[in-house]
Amino acid sequence: MAAEETKPKPPQPAEKPAPAAEKQTNCLSCGKPIRKLKRYYRNGKFYCNKKCWLTMLKKAKEEKK
């Protein structure tokens, strides 16, 4: 029994770190690159301006119907 207790355990795989959340770089509506100085943040997402945000709202309403 003593021989069984001294057996080395197989190495366990190292835990992988959680992937970092990707940073949103383009407007969801028009696809333009979002600059730090000019961005419109609504509902957890970035848009390039209010017009693009409103068009995404309209598209979402049409998809629901």
C-alpha atoms as a PDB file:
ATOM      1  CA  MET A   1       0.000   0.000   0.000  1.00  0.00           C
ATOM      2  CA  ALA A   2       2.850   2.340   0.697  1.00  0.00           C
ATOM      3  CA  ALA A   3       3.975   2.070  -2.931  1.00  0.00           C
ATOM      4  CA  GLU A   4       0.535   3.078  -4.183  1.00  0.00           C
ATOM      5  CA  GLU A   5       0.407   6.179  -1.994  1.00  0.00           C
ATOM      6  CA  THR A   6       3.728   7.543  -3.237  1.00  0.00           C
ATOM      7  CA  LYS A   7       2.828   7.472  -6.931  1.00  0.00           C
ATOM      8  CA  PRO A   8       3.096  10.977  -8.396  1.00  0.00           C
ATOM      9  CA  LYS A   9      -0.141  12.393  -9.709  1.00  0.00           C
ATOM     10  CA  PRO A  10      -0.267  13.268 -13.405  1.00  0.00           C
ATOM     11  CA  PRO A  11       0.155  17.016 -14.038  1.00  0.00           C
ATOM     12  CA  GLN A  12      -3.132  18.868 -14.297  1.00  0.00           C
ATOM     13  CA  PRO A  13      -3.649  21.273 -17.195  1.00  0.00           C
ATOM     14  CA  ALA A  14      -3.220  24.905 -16.215  1.00  0.00           C
ATOM     15  CA  GLU A  15      -6.393  26.927 -16.011  1.00  0.00           C
ATOM     16  CA  LYS A  16      -6.828  29.193 -18.994  1.00  0.00           C
ATOM     17  CA  PRO A  17      -7.507  32.849 -18.202  1.00  0.00           C
ATOM     18  CA  ALA A  18     -10.918  34.154 -19.173  1.00  0.00           C
ATOM     19  CA  PRO A  19     -10.901  35.846 -22.584  1.00  0.00           C
ATOM     20  CA  ALA A  20     -10.973  39.618 -22.407  1.00  0.00           C
ATOM     21  CA  ALA A  21     -14.074  41.331 -23.752  1.00  0.00           C
ATOM     22  CA  GLU A  22     -13.533  42.706 -27.228  1.00  0.00           C
ATOM     23  CA  LYS A  23     -13.621  46.451 -27.555  1.00  0.00           C
ATOM     24  CA  GLN A  24     -16.200  47.754 -30.000  1.00  0.00           C
ATOM     25  CA  THR A  25     -14.441  49.796 -32.693  1.00  0.00           C
ATOM     26  CA  ASN A  26     -17.116  50.301 -35.362  1.00  0.00           C
ATOM     27  CA  CYS A  27     -20.617  51.739 -35.374  1.00  0.00           C
ATOM     28  CA  LEU A  28     -23.270  48.999 -35.379  1.00  0.00           C
ATOM     29  CA  SER A  29     -25.453  50.883 -37.830  1.00  0.00           C
ATOM     30  CA  CYS A  30     -23.131  52.206 -40.530  1.00  0.00           C
ATOM     31  CA  GLY A  31     -19.844  50.431 -39.785  1.00  0.00           C
ATOM     32  CA  LYS A  32     -17.752  53.606 -39.500  1.00  0.00           C
ATOM     33  CA  PRO A  33     -14.808  53.530 -37.095  1.00  0.00           C
ATOM     34  CA  ILE A  34     -15.716  55.095 -33.748  1.00  0.00           C
ATOM     35  CA  ARG A  35     -13.348  57.772 -32.480  1.00  0.00           C
ATOM     36  CA  LYS A  36     -12.895  58.488 -28.804  1.00  0.00           C
ATOM     37  CA  LEU A  37     -14.012  62.103 -29.109  1.00  0.00           C
ATOM     38  CA  LYS A  38     -17.070  61.358 -31.227  1.00  0.00           C
ATOM     39  CA  ARG A  39     -19.117  58.470 -29.899  1.00  0.00           C
ATOM     40  CA  TYR A  40     -22.723  57.923 -28.857  1.00  0.00           C
ATOM     41  CA  TYR A  41     -23.319  55.333 -26.105  1.00  0.00           C
ATOM     42  CA  ARG A  42     -26.768  53.827 -25.653  1.00  0.00           C
ATOM     43  CA  ASN A  43     -27.925  50.530 -24.122  1.00  0.00           C
ATOM     44  CA  GLY A  44     -24.404  49.169 -23.704  1.00  0.00           C
ATOM     45  CA  LYS A  45     -23.340  49.781 -27.312  1.00  0.00           C
ATOM     46  CA  PHE A  46     -21.481  52.514 -29.177  1.00  0.00           C
ATOM     47  CA  TYR A  47     -22.741  54.364 -32.256  1.00  0.00           C
ATOM     48  CA  CYS A  48     -21.133  57.193 -34.224  1.00  0.00           C
ATOM     49  CA  ASN A  49     -24.076  59.575 -33.652  1.00  0.00           C
ATOM     50  CA  LYS A  50     -27.722  59.812 -32.629  1.00  0.00           C
ATOM     51  CA  LYS A  51     -28.934  59.274 -36.188  1.00  0.00           C
ATOM     52  CA  CYS A  52     -27.256  55.864 -36.384  1.00  0.00           C
ATOM     53  CA  TRP A  53     -28.713  54.902 -33.012  1.00  0.00           C
ATOM     54  CA  LEU A  54     -32.225  55.795 -34.186  1.00  0.00           C
ATOM     55  CA  THR A  55     -31.809  53.800 -37.413  1.00  0.00           C
ATOM     56  CA  MET A  56     -30.774  50.746 -35.379  1.00  0.00           C
ATOM     57  CA  LEU A  57     -33.895  51.166 -33.230  1.00  0.00           C
ATOM     58  CA  LYS A  58     -36.053  51.281 -36.364  1.00  0.00           C
ATOM     59  CA  LYS A  59     -34.356  48.172 -37.789  1.00  0.00           C
ATOM     60  CA  ALA A  60     -34.888  46.301 -34.519  1.00  0.00           C
ATOM     61  CA  LYS A  61     -38.600  47.182 -34.481  1.00  0.00           C
ATOM     62  CA  GLU A  62     -39.009  45.994 -38.079  1.00  0.00           C
ATOM     63  CA  GLU A  63     -37.292  42.692 -37.320  1.00  0.00           C
ATOM     64  CA  LYS A  64     -39.645  42.036 -34.401  1.00  0.00           C
ATOM     65  CA  LYS A  65     -42.701  42.357 -36.645  1.00  0.00           C
END
